Amino acid sequence: MKRVALTGNLGSGKSTVGRMLKDLGAFVIDADEVIHSFYRKGHPVLEEVVRLLGEGILDEEGNGDRKKIAEIVFKDPEKLRKLEEITHGALYEELENIYSELPEDSVVFVEAALLIEKGTYKKYDKTLLVYAPYEVCKRRALKKGMSEEDFERRWKRQMSPEEKLKYADFVIDNSGSLEETRRQTEEVFEAIRRDP
């Protein structure tokens, strides 16, 4: 089984490339979606998060409200660190469960934003970076409805896309057309499958 870190900055188009890889027959796991599943009412991870951040993070149904959680932890680096300890530990356990159910010859991409910053890209066989420069990423994020303030705050937590190039085994430049991105995605997927 080949495990590939699929990463890139906010607005770079990781999810777009992830969908293209799925279309090509790859297994793609969105780490954010796995973590969001932990915030469902009754989940043991949510119970730990409530102990850390308080009952105020719950919505009317008793699920974790990601917006409320983000508001607290982005203002408090220590709480953010503790939240990440809780969720990332559970994420890696869940990933192992998912891997164990896939065919042995699978190529699995795990899509996540801060893999290089946190050093967790080292847990994977290869790293695929979806690259786009700051201006392109910002334009896309704002177009999707993110506020400029929110974008800048999140961007500052990330290494620059140019810096990330040094860590990547494969790069897809997603600053052009979708057709161009699709062509590169097909080439990279083939190269990863052939890679020993």
C-alpha atoms as a PDB file:
ATOM      1  CA  MET A   1       0.000   0.000   0.000  1.00  0.00           C
ATOM      2  CA  LYS A   2       1.267   3.448  -0.900  1.00  0.00           C
ATOM      3  CA  ARG A   3       0.301   6.251   1.448  1.00  0.00           C
ATOM      4  CA  VAL A   4       0.615   9.713  -0.050  1.00  0.00           C
ATOM      5  CA  ALA A   5       0.285  13.028   1.788  1.00  0.00           C
ATOM      6  CA  LEU A   6      -1.860  15.377  -0.321  1.00  0.00           C
ATOM      7  CA  THR A   7      -1.253  18.898   0.885  1.00  0.00           C
ATOM      8  CA  GLY A   8      -1.229  22.532  -0.137  1.00  0.00           C
ATOM      9  CA  ASN A   9      -2.098  25.931   1.254  1.00  0.00           C
ATOM     10  CA  LEU A  10      -5.548  27.322   1.902  1.00  0.00           C
ATOM     11  CA  GLY A  11      -7.182  27.974  -1.472  1.00  0.00           C
ATOM     12  CA  SER A  12      -4.585  25.997  -3.442  1.00  0.00           C
ATOM     13  CA  GLY A  13      -7.149  23.460  -4.684  1.00  0.00           C
ATOM     14  CA  LYS A  14      -6.304  20.322  -2.662  1.00  0.00           C
ATOM     15  CA  SER A  15      -9.934  19.203  -2.707  1.00  0.00           C
ATOM     16  CA  THR A  16     -10.203  19.750  -6.471  1.00  0.00           C
ATOM     17  CA  VAL A  17      -7.142  17.551  -7.027  1.00  0.00           C
ATOM     18  CA  GLY A  18      -8.523  15.055  -4.482  1.00  0.00           C
ATOM     19  CA  ARG A  19     -11.744  14.722  -6.511  1.00  0.00           C
ATOM     20  CA  MET A  20      -9.719  14.246  -9.716  1.00  0.00           C
ATOM     21  CA  LEU A  21      -7.649  11.516  -8.040  1.00  0.00           C
ATOM     22  CA  LYS A  22     -10.861   9.781  -6.903  1.00  0.00           C
ATOM     23  CA  ASP A  23     -12.105   9.875 -10.503  1.00  0.00           C
ATOM     24  CA  LEU A  24      -8.860   8.132 -11.509  1.00  0.00           C
ATOM     25  CA  GLY A  25      -9.528   5.333  -9.013  1.00  0.00           C
ATOM     26  CA  ALA A  26      -7.435   6.454  -6.057  1.00  0.00           C
ATOM     27  CA  PHE A  27      -8.603   6.241  -2.452  1.00  0.00           C
ATOM     28  CA  VAL A  28      -8.720   9.776  -1.045  1.00  0.00           C
ATOM     29  CA  ILE A  29      -9.291  10.462   2.645  1.00  0.00           C
ATOM     30  CA  ASP A  30     -10.044  14.039   3.698  1.00  0.00           C
ATOM     31  CA  ALA A  31      -8.474  14.426   7.155  1.00  0.00           C
ATOM     32  CA  ASP A  32     -10.772  17.389   7.937  1.00  0.00           C
ATOM     33  CA  GLU A  33     -13.852  15.271   7.247  1.00  0.00           C
ATOM     34  CA  VAL A  34     -12.557  12.536   9.556  1.00  0.00           C
ATOM     35  CA  ILE A  35     -11.929  15.123  12.298  1.00  0.00           C
ATOM     36  CA  HIS A  36     -15.387  16.679  11.740  1.00  0.00           C
ATOM     37  CA  SER A  37     -16.917  13.235  12.324  1.00  0.00           C
ATOM     38  CA  PHE A  38     -15.398  13.308  15.840  1.00  0.00           C
ATOM     39  CA  TYR A  39     -17.602  16.313  16.697  1.00  0.00           C
ATOM     40  CA  ARG A  40     -20.830  14.309  16.567  1.00  0.00           C
ATOM     41  CA  LYS A  41     -22.845  14.049  19.770  1.00  0.00           C
ATOM     42  CA  GLY A  42     -21.698  11.153  21.948  1.00  0.00           C
ATOM     43  CA  HIS A  43     -18.315  10.700  20.251  1.00  0.00           C
ATOM     44  CA  PRO A  44     -15.568  10.141  22.872  1.00  0.00           C
ATOM     45  CA  VAL A  45     -13.322  12.709  21.131  1.00  0.00           C
ATOM     46  CA  LEU A  46     -16.045  15.369  21.439  1.00  0.00           C
ATOM     47  CA  GLU A  47     -16.337  14.570  25.151  1.00  0.00           C
ATOM     48  CA  GLU A  48     -12.609  15.250  25.531  1.00  0.00           C
ATOM     49  CA  VAL A  49     -12.920  18.491  23.550  1.00  0.00           C
ATOM     50  CA  VAL A  50     -15.798  19.622  25.806  1.00  0.00           C
ATOM     51  CA  ARG A  51     -13.613  18.939  28.863  1.00  0.00           C
ATOM     52  CA  LEU A  52     -10.949  21.163  27.283  1.00  0.00           C
ATOM     53  CA  LEU A  53     -13.101  24.004  25.916  1.00  0.00           C
ATOM     54  CA  GLY A  54     -16.373  23.843  27.848  1.00  0.00           C
ATOM     55  CA  GLU A  55     -20.051  23.139  27.062  1.00  0.00           C
ATOM     56  CA  GLY A  56     -20.293  26.431  25.131  1.00  0.00           C
ATOM     57  CA  ILE A  57     -18.883  24.768  22.019  1.00  0.00           C
ATOM     58  CA  LEU A  58     -21.989  22.586  21.567  1.00  0.00           C
ATOM     59  CA  ASP A  59     -24.874  23.424  19.247  1.00  0.00           C
ATOM     60  CA  GLU A  60     -28.587  22.841  20.068  1.00  0.00           C
ATOM     61  CA  GLU A  61     -28.336  19.165  19.043  1.00  0.00           C
ATOM     62  CA  GLY A  62     -25.299  18.528  21.253  1.00  0.00           C
ATOM     63  CA  ASN A  63     -22.791  18.341  18.386  1.00  0.00           C
ATOM     64  CA  GLY A  64     -19.540  20.275  18.418  1.00  0.00           C
ATOM     65  CA  ASP A  65     -19.878  23.639  16.655  1.00  0.00           C
ATOM     66  CA  ARG A  66     -16.690  24.010  14.603  1.00  0.00           C
ATOM     67  CA  LYS A  67     -17.085  27.773  14.308  1.00  0.00           C
ATOM     68  CA  LYS A  68     -17.275  28.199  18.088  1.00  0.00           C
ATOM     69  CA  ILE A  69     -14.313  25.838  18.541  1.00  0.00           C
ATOM     70  CA  ALA A  70     -12.245  27.806  15.987  1.00  0.00           C
ATOM     71  CA  GLU A  71     -13.092  31.150  17.661  1.00  0.00           C
ATOM     72  CA  ILE A  72     -11.712  29.883  20.978  1.00  0.00           C
ATOM     73  CA  VAL A  73      -8.576  28.094  19.805  1.00  0.00           C
ATOM     74  CA  PHE A  74      -7.372  30.663  17.272  1.00  0.00           C
ATOM     75  CA  LYS A  75      -7.146  33.184  20.132  1.00  0.00           C
ATOM     76  CA  ASP A  76      -5.397  30.753  22.487  1.00  0.00           C
ATOM     77  CA  PRO A  77      -2.319  28.908  21.140  1.00  0.00           C
ATOM     78  CA  GLU A  78      -2.175  26.593  24.164  1.00  0.00           C
ATOM     79  CA  LYS A  79      -5.790  25.453  23.722  1.00  0.00           C
ATOM     80  CA  LEU A  80      -5.160  25.001  19.993  1.00  0.00           C
ATOM     81  CA  ARG A  81      -2.144  22.797  20.759  1.00  0.00           C
ATOM     82  CA  LYS A  82      -4.187  20.667  23.202  1.00  0.00           C
ATOM     83  CA  LEU A  83      -7.120  20.397  20.762  1.00  0.00           C
ATOM     84  CA  GLU A  84      -4.755  19.244  18.011  1.00  0.00           C
ATOM     85  CA  GLU A  85      -3.223  16.655  20.365  1.00  0.00           C
ATOM     86  CA  ILE A  86      -6.689  15.219  21.006  1.00  0.00           C
ATOM     87  CA  THR A  87      -7.946  15.265  17.410  1.00  0.00           C
ATOM     88  CA  HIS A  88      -4.718  14.257  15.659  1.00  0.00           C
ATOM     89  CA  GLY A  89      -4.162  11.254  17.906  1.00  0.00           C
ATOM     90  CA  ALA A  90      -7.699  10.089  17.132  1.00  0.00           C
ATOM     91  CA  LEU A  91      -7.223  10.878  13.427  1.00  0.00           C
ATOM     92  CA  TYR A  92      -4.176   8.598  13.107  1.00  0.00           C
ATOM     93  CA  GLU A  93      -6.012   5.789  14.882  1.00  0.00           C
ATOM     94  CA  GLU A  94      -8.956   6.188  12.505  1.00  0.00           C
ATOM     95  CA  LEU A  95      -6.643   6.293   9.460  1.00  0.00           C
ATOM     96  CA  GLU A  96      -5.086   2.977  10.519  1.00  0.00           C
ATOM     97  CA  ASN A  97      -8.599   1.473  10.728  1.00  0.00           C
ATOM     98  CA  ILE A  98      -9.397   2.746   7.215  1.00  0.00           C
ATOM     99  CA  TYR A  99      -6.095   1.466   5.775  1.00  0.00           C
ATOM    100  CA  SER A 100      -6.706  -1.982   7.240  1.00  0.00           C
ATOM    101  CA  GLU A 101      -9.926  -2.306   5.220  1.00  0.00           C
ATOM    102  CA  LEU A 102      -8.387  -1.337   1.851  1.00  0.00           C
ATOM    103  CA  PRO A 103      -6.774  -3.725  -0.654  1.00  0.00           C
ATOM    104  CA  GLU A 104      -3.037  -4.201  -0.048  1.00  0.00           C
ATOM    105  CA  ASP A 105      -2.081  -2.751  -3.467  1.00  0.00           C
ATOM    106  CA  SER A 106      -4.055   0.509  -2.956  1.00  0.00           C
ATOM    107  CA  VAL A 107      -2.704   3.997  -3.482  1.00  0.00           C
ATOM    108  CA  VAL A 108      -4.174   6.107  -0.654  1.00  0.00           C
ATOM    109  CA  PHE A 109      -4.036   9.907  -0.547  1.00  0.00           C
ATOM    110  CA  VAL A 110      -4.648  11.672   2.761  1.00  0.00           C
ATOM    111  CA  GLU A 111      -5.676  15.278   2.169  1.00  0.00           C
ATOM    112  CA  ALA A 112      -4.677  17.715   4.933  1.00  0.00           C
ATOM    113  CA  ALA A 113      -3.430  21.296   5.144  1.00  0.00           C
ATOM    114  CA  LEU A 114      -0.625  21.422   7.716  1.00  0.00           C
ATOM    115  CA  LEU A 115       1.184  18.138   7.015  1.00  0.00           C
ATOM    116  CA  ILE A 116       4.497  19.825   6.243  1.00  0.00           C
ATOM    117  CA  GLU A 117       4.286  22.420   9.037  1.00  0.00           C
ATOM    118  CA  LYS A 118       3.606  19.718  11.633  1.00  0.00           C
ATOM    119  CA  GLY A 119       6.156  17.268  10.213  1.00  0.00           C
ATOM    120  CA  THR A 120       3.485  14.582   9.799  1.00  0.00           C
ATOM    121  CA  TYR A 121       4.272  14.303   6.069  1.00  0.00           C
ATOM    122  CA  LYS A 122       7.076  11.974   7.283  1.00  0.00           C
ATOM    123  CA  LYS A 123       4.418   9.352   8.123  1.00  0.00           C
ATOM    124  CA  TYR A 124       3.724   8.953   4.389  1.00  0.00           C
ATOM    125  CA  ASP A 125       5.624   7.281   1.553  1.00  0.00           C
ATOM    126  CA  LYS A 126       5.390  10.369  -0.668  1.00  0.00           C
ATOM    127  CA  THR A 127       4.235  13.979  -0.481  1.00  0.00           C
ATOM    128  CA  LEU A 128       2.134  15.555  -3.234  1.00  0.00           C
ATOM    129  CA  LEU A 129       1.902  19.348  -3.061  1.00  0.00           C
ATOM    130  CA  VAL A 130      -0.894  21.231  -4.798  1.00  0.00           C
ATOM    131  CA  TYR A 131       0.750  24.568  -5.520  1.00  0.00           C
ATOM    132  CA  ALA A 132      -0.785  27.980  -6.172  1.00  0.00           C
ATOM    133  CA  PRO A 133       0.704  31.394  -5.298  1.00  0.00           C
ATOM    134  CA  TYR A 134      -0.689  33.610  -2.517  1.00  0.00           C
ATOM    135  CA  GLU A 135      -2.751  35.907  -4.788  1.00  0.00           C
ATOM    136  CA  VAL A 136      -4.503  32.969  -6.467  1.00  0.00           C
ATOM    137  CA  CYS A 137      -5.210  31.227  -3.127  1.00  0.00           C
ATOM    138  CA  LYS A 138      -6.570  34.435  -1.593  1.00  0.00           C
ATOM    139  CA  ARG A 139      -8.831  35.177  -4.567  1.00  0.00           C
ATOM    140  CA  ARG A 140     -10.296  31.648  -4.409  1.00  0.00           C
ATOM    141  CA  ALA A 141     -10.847  31.725  -0.648  1.00  0.00           C
ATOM    142  CA  LEU A 142     -12.596  35.114  -0.754  1.00  0.00           C
ATOM    143  CA  LYS A 143     -14.731  33.959  -3.697  1.00  0.00           C
ATOM    144  CA  LYS A 144     -15.891  31.019  -1.540  1.00  0.00           C
ATOM    145  CA  GLY A 145     -17.066  33.486   1.106  1.00  0.00           C
ATOM    146  CA  MET A 146     -14.127  33.545   3.527  1.00  0.00           C
ATOM    147  CA  SER A 147     -13.451  36.961   5.055  1.00  0.00           C
ATOM    148  CA  GLU A 148     -10.128  38.624   4.317  1.00  0.00           C
ATOM    149  CA  GLU A 149      -9.319  38.679   8.041  1.00  0.00           C
ATOM    150  CA  ASP A 150     -10.023  34.967   8.416  1.00  0.00           C
ATOM    151  CA  PHE A 151      -7.957  34.163   5.329  1.00  0.00           C
ATOM    152  CA  GLU A 152      -4.947  36.181   6.569  1.00  0.00           C
ATOM    153  CA  ARG A 153      -5.119  34.651  10.045  1.00  0.00           C
ATOM    154  CA  ARG A 154      -5.140  31.116   8.631  1.00  0.00           C
ATOM    155  CA  TRP A 155      -2.528  31.898   5.984  1.00  0.00           C
ATOM    156  CA  LYS A 156      -0.090  33.076   8.684  1.00  0.00           C
ATOM    157  CA  ARG A 157      -0.243  29.613  10.292  1.00  0.00           C
ATOM    158  CA  GLN A 158       0.968  28.042   7.053  1.00  0.00           C
ATOM    159  CA  MET A 159       4.404  27.870   5.502  1.00  0.00           C
ATOM    160  CA  SER A 160       4.560  29.705   2.173  1.00  0.00           C
ATOM    161  CA  PRO A 161       3.723  27.546  -0.872  1.00  0.00           C
ATOM    162  CA  GLU A 162       7.177  28.319  -2.299  1.00  0.00           C
ATOM    163  CA  GLU A 163       8.843  27.000   0.871  1.00  0.00           C
ATOM    164  CA  LYS A 164       6.730  23.830   0.745  1.00  0.00           C
ATOM    165  CA  LEU A 165       8.082  22.976  -2.709  1.00  0.00           C
ATOM    166  CA  LYS A 166      11.305  21.809  -1.003  1.00  0.00           C
ATOM    167  CA  TYR A 167       9.415  19.032   0.811  1.00  0.00           C
ATOM    168  CA  ALA A 168       7.337  17.727  -2.095  1.00  0.00           C
ATOM    169  CA  ASP A 169       8.078  14.551  -4.051  1.00  0.00           C
ATOM    170  CA  PHE A 170       5.414  15.550  -6.589  1.00  0.00           C
ATOM    171  CA  VAL A 171       3.908  18.951  -7.426  1.00  0.00           C
ATOM    172  CA  ILE A 172       0.710  19.884  -9.251  1.00  0.00           C
ATOM    173  CA  ASP A 173       0.639  23.561 -10.228  1.00  0.00           C
ATOM    174  CA  ASN A 174      -3.006  24.529  -9.840  1.00  0.00           C
ATOM    175  CA  SER A 175      -2.698  28.181 -10.805  1.00  0.00           C
ATOM    176  CA  GLY A 176      -3.905  27.625 -14.393  1.00  0.00           C
ATOM    177  CA  SER A 177      -6.969  26.032 -15.998  1.00  0.00           C
ATOM    178  CA  LEU A 178      -8.839  23.001 -14.668  1.00  0.00           C
ATOM    179  CA  GLU A 179      -7.845  21.083 -17.811  1.00  0.00           C
ATOM    180  CA  GLU A 180      -4.187  21.782 -17.080  1.00  0.00           C
ATOM    181  CA  THR A 181      -4.634  20.630 -13.476  1.00  0.00           C
ATOM    182  CA  ARG A 182      -6.417  17.468 -14.627  1.00  0.00           C
ATOM    183  CA  ARG A 183      -3.606  16.652 -17.060  1.00  0.00           C
ATOM    184  CA  GLN A 184      -0.968  17.073 -14.328  1.00  0.00           C
ATOM    185  CA  THR A 185      -3.055  15.030 -11.870  1.00  0.00           C
ATOM    186  CA  GLU A 186      -3.254  12.128 -14.326  1.00  0.00           C
ATOM    187  CA  GLU A 187       0.513  12.262 -14.926  1.00  0.00           C
ATOM    188  CA  VAL A 188       1.335  12.437 -11.219  1.00  0.00           C
ATOM    189  CA  PHE A 189      -1.057   9.601 -10.335  1.00  0.00           C
ATOM    190  CA  GLU A 190       0.573   7.385 -12.964  1.00  0.00           C
ATOM    191  CA  ALA A 191       4.055   8.320 -11.711  1.00  0.00           C
ATOM    192  CA  ILE A 192       3.102   7.538  -8.093  1.00  0.00           C
ATOM    193  CA  ARG A 193       1.618   4.172  -9.098  1.00  0.00           C
ATOM    194  CA  ARG A 194       4.794   3.257 -10.967  1.00  0.00           C
ATOM    195  CA  ASP A 195       7.110   4.603  -8.267  1.00  0.00           C
ATOM    196  CA  PRO A 196       8.792   1.716  -6.396  1.00  0.00           C
END
